[in-house]
Amino acid sequence: QVQLVESGGGLVQPGGSLRLSCAASGSIFGIGVMGWYRQAPGNERELVATITTGGSTNYADSVTGRFTISRDNAKNTVYLQMNSLKPEDTAVYYCTAKRALTQTTYWGQGTQVTVSS
């Protein structure tokens, strides 16, 4: 099993910034792609960004140019730097990690991000 613990969520004004962190522990051997998803009330969960072990990234169109995903493989941690936040970015943000061999995806418990004045 893989445990993912997110931190860094909170309340921020429009135009502000937040940095989310997600630390992986447990049976982390073979973990490949890590990423972030989000779910706003009444909406389906959606992809925000992903990153491979080699550092290749992929972003949703809605966050491109504002959010940056990164990872520290030595610390088994993935980050999401969120700038120029908008009210529509308000959601619960979930960290994910996928085991390459089995394609099993693990999920964190989520962290709330609220963008409001």
Protein backbone atom coordinates (compact mmCIF):
# COMPACT_ATOMS: atom_id res chain seq x y z
CA GLN A 1 0.00 0.00 0.00
CA VAL A 2 0.99 3.60 -0.59
CA GLN A 3 0.00 6.41 1.73
CA LEU A 4 -0.27 9.94 0.34
CA VAL A 5 -0.52 12.90 2.69
CA GLU A 6 -1.37 16.32 1.26
CA SER A 7 -0.75 19.67 2.92
CA GLY A 8 -0.79 23.35 2.03
CA GLY A 9 -4.44 24.01 1.28
CA GLY A 10 -6.36 26.92 2.71
CA LEU A 11 -8.17 30.17 2.01
CA VAL A 12 -6.61 32.68 -0.37
CA GLN A 13 -7.82 35.82 -2.13
CA PRO A 14 -8.21 35.93 -5.91
CA GLY A 15 -4.85 36.54 -7.54
CA GLY A 16 -3.02 34.93 -4.65
CA SER A 17 -0.81 31.85 -4.48
CA LEU A 18 -0.68 28.55 -2.64
CA ARG A 19 1.72 25.63 -2.70
CA LEU A 20 0.42 22.13 -2.14
CA SER A 21 2.68 19.28 -1.08
CA CYS A 22 2.09 15.55 -1.12
CA ALA A 23 4.39 13.06 0.59
CA ALA A 24 4.28 9.39 -0.38
CA SER A 25 5.19 6.62 2.04
CA GLY A 26 4.77 2.89 2.43
CA SER A 27 5.32 0.51 -0.47
CA ILE A 28 6.55 3.19 -2.90
CA PHE A 29 8.70 0.92 -5.05
CA GLY A 30 7.73 1.28 -8.69
CA ILE A 31 5.73 4.47 -8.30
CA GLY A 32 5.78 6.31 -11.62
CA VAL A 33 3.45 9.14 -12.53
CA MET A 34 2.26 11.38 -9.73
CA GLY A 35 -0.31 14.08 -10.07
CA TRP A 36 -3.06 16.28 -8.76
CA TYR A 37 -6.79 16.13 -9.36
CA ARG A 38 -9.51 18.38 -8.01
CA GLN A 39 -13.22 18.22 -7.36
CA ALA A 40 -15.50 21.19 -6.85
CA PRO A 41 -18.96 20.84 -5.30
CA GLY A 42 -21.39 19.42 -7.85
CA ASN A 43 -18.63 18.70 -10.34
CA GLU A 44 -16.80 15.57 -11.38
CA ARG A 45 -13.22 15.04 -10.32
CA GLU A 46 -10.87 16.46 -12.94
CA LEU A 47 -7.21 16.24 -13.79
CA VAL A 48 -5.09 19.24 -12.83
CA ALA A 49 -1.53 18.15 -13.60
CA THR A 50 0.72 15.10 -13.76
CA ILE A 51 4.47 14.54 -13.69
CA THR A 52 6.59 11.51 -14.55
CA THR A 53 9.67 10.36 -12.68
CA GLY A 54 11.72 11.99 -15.41
CA GLY A 55 10.00 15.32 -14.97
CA SER A 56 7.68 15.38 -17.98
CA THR A 57 4.55 17.33 -17.15
CA ASN A 58 0.98 17.59 -18.35
CA TYR A 59 -1.56 20.26 -17.40
CA ALA A 60 -5.25 20.91 -17.78
CA ASP A 61 -5.91 23.82 -20.11
CA SER A 62 -7.60 25.73 -17.30
CA VAL A 63 -4.41 25.89 -15.21
CA THR A 64 -1.70 26.08 -17.87
CA GLY A 65 0.52 29.07 -17.26
CA ARG A 66 -0.67 29.51 -13.68
CA PHE A 67 0.11 26.19 -11.96
CA THR A 68 3.41 24.33 -11.84
CA ILE A 69 3.84 20.71 -10.80
CA SER A 70 7.19 19.41 -9.59
CA ARG A 71 8.55 16.47 -7.66
CA ASP A 72 11.47 15.52 -5.47
CA ASN A 73 12.11 11.84 -6.10
CA ALA A 74 14.54 11.60 -3.20
CA LYS A 75 11.81 12.79 -0.82
CA ASN A 76 8.97 10.97 -2.62
CA THR A 77 7.11 14.25 -2.68
CA VAL A 78 5.15 16.06 -5.36
CA TYR A 79 4.28 19.75 -5.28
CA LEU A 80 1.74 22.00 -6.95
CA GLN A 81 2.56 25.69 -7.07
CA MET A 82 -0.64 27.60 -7.79
CA ASN A 83 -0.40 31.25 -8.83
CA SER A 84 -2.97 33.79 -10.01
CA LEU A 85 -5.69 31.82 -8.29
CA LYS A 86 -9.29 32.33 -9.36
CA PRO A 87 -12.55 31.59 -7.53
CA GLU A 88 -13.17 28.76 -10.00
CA ASP A 89 -10.04 27.03 -8.68
CA THR A 90 -11.93 26.40 -5.43
CA ALA A 91 -12.05 22.64 -4.89
CA VAL A 92 -10.72 19.74 -2.90
CA TYR A 93 -7.34 18.85 -4.37
CA TYR A 94 -6.23 15.22 -4.39
CA CYS A 95 -2.75 13.83 -4.83
CA THR A 96 -2.31 10.65 -6.85
CA ALA A 97 0.47 8.15 -7.44
CA LYS A 98 0.42 5.34 -9.98
CA ARG A 99 2.37 2.12 -9.72
CA ALA A 100 3.75 1.55 -13.20
CA LEU A 101 3.78 -2.27 -13.18
CA THR A 102 0.21 -2.79 -12.02
CA GLN A 103 -1.29 0.56 -13.09
CA THR A 104 -2.76 0.84 -9.59
CA THR A 105 -3.58 4.43 -8.66
CA TYR A 106 -3.41 5.58 -5.07
CA TRP A 107 -5.22 8.66 -3.75
CA GLY A 108 -4.61 11.04 -0.90
CA GLN A 109 -7.36 12.22 1.43
CA GLY A 110 -7.62 15.63 -0.22
CA THR A 111 -6.95 19.18 0.87
CA GLN A 112 -9.38 22.08 0.54
CA VAL A 113 -8.43 25.12 -1.51
CA THR A 114 -10.80 28.07 -1.32
CA VAL A 115 -10.29 31.19 -3.42
CA SER A 116 -12.50 33.99 -2.18
CA SER A 117 -12.37 37.64 -1.22
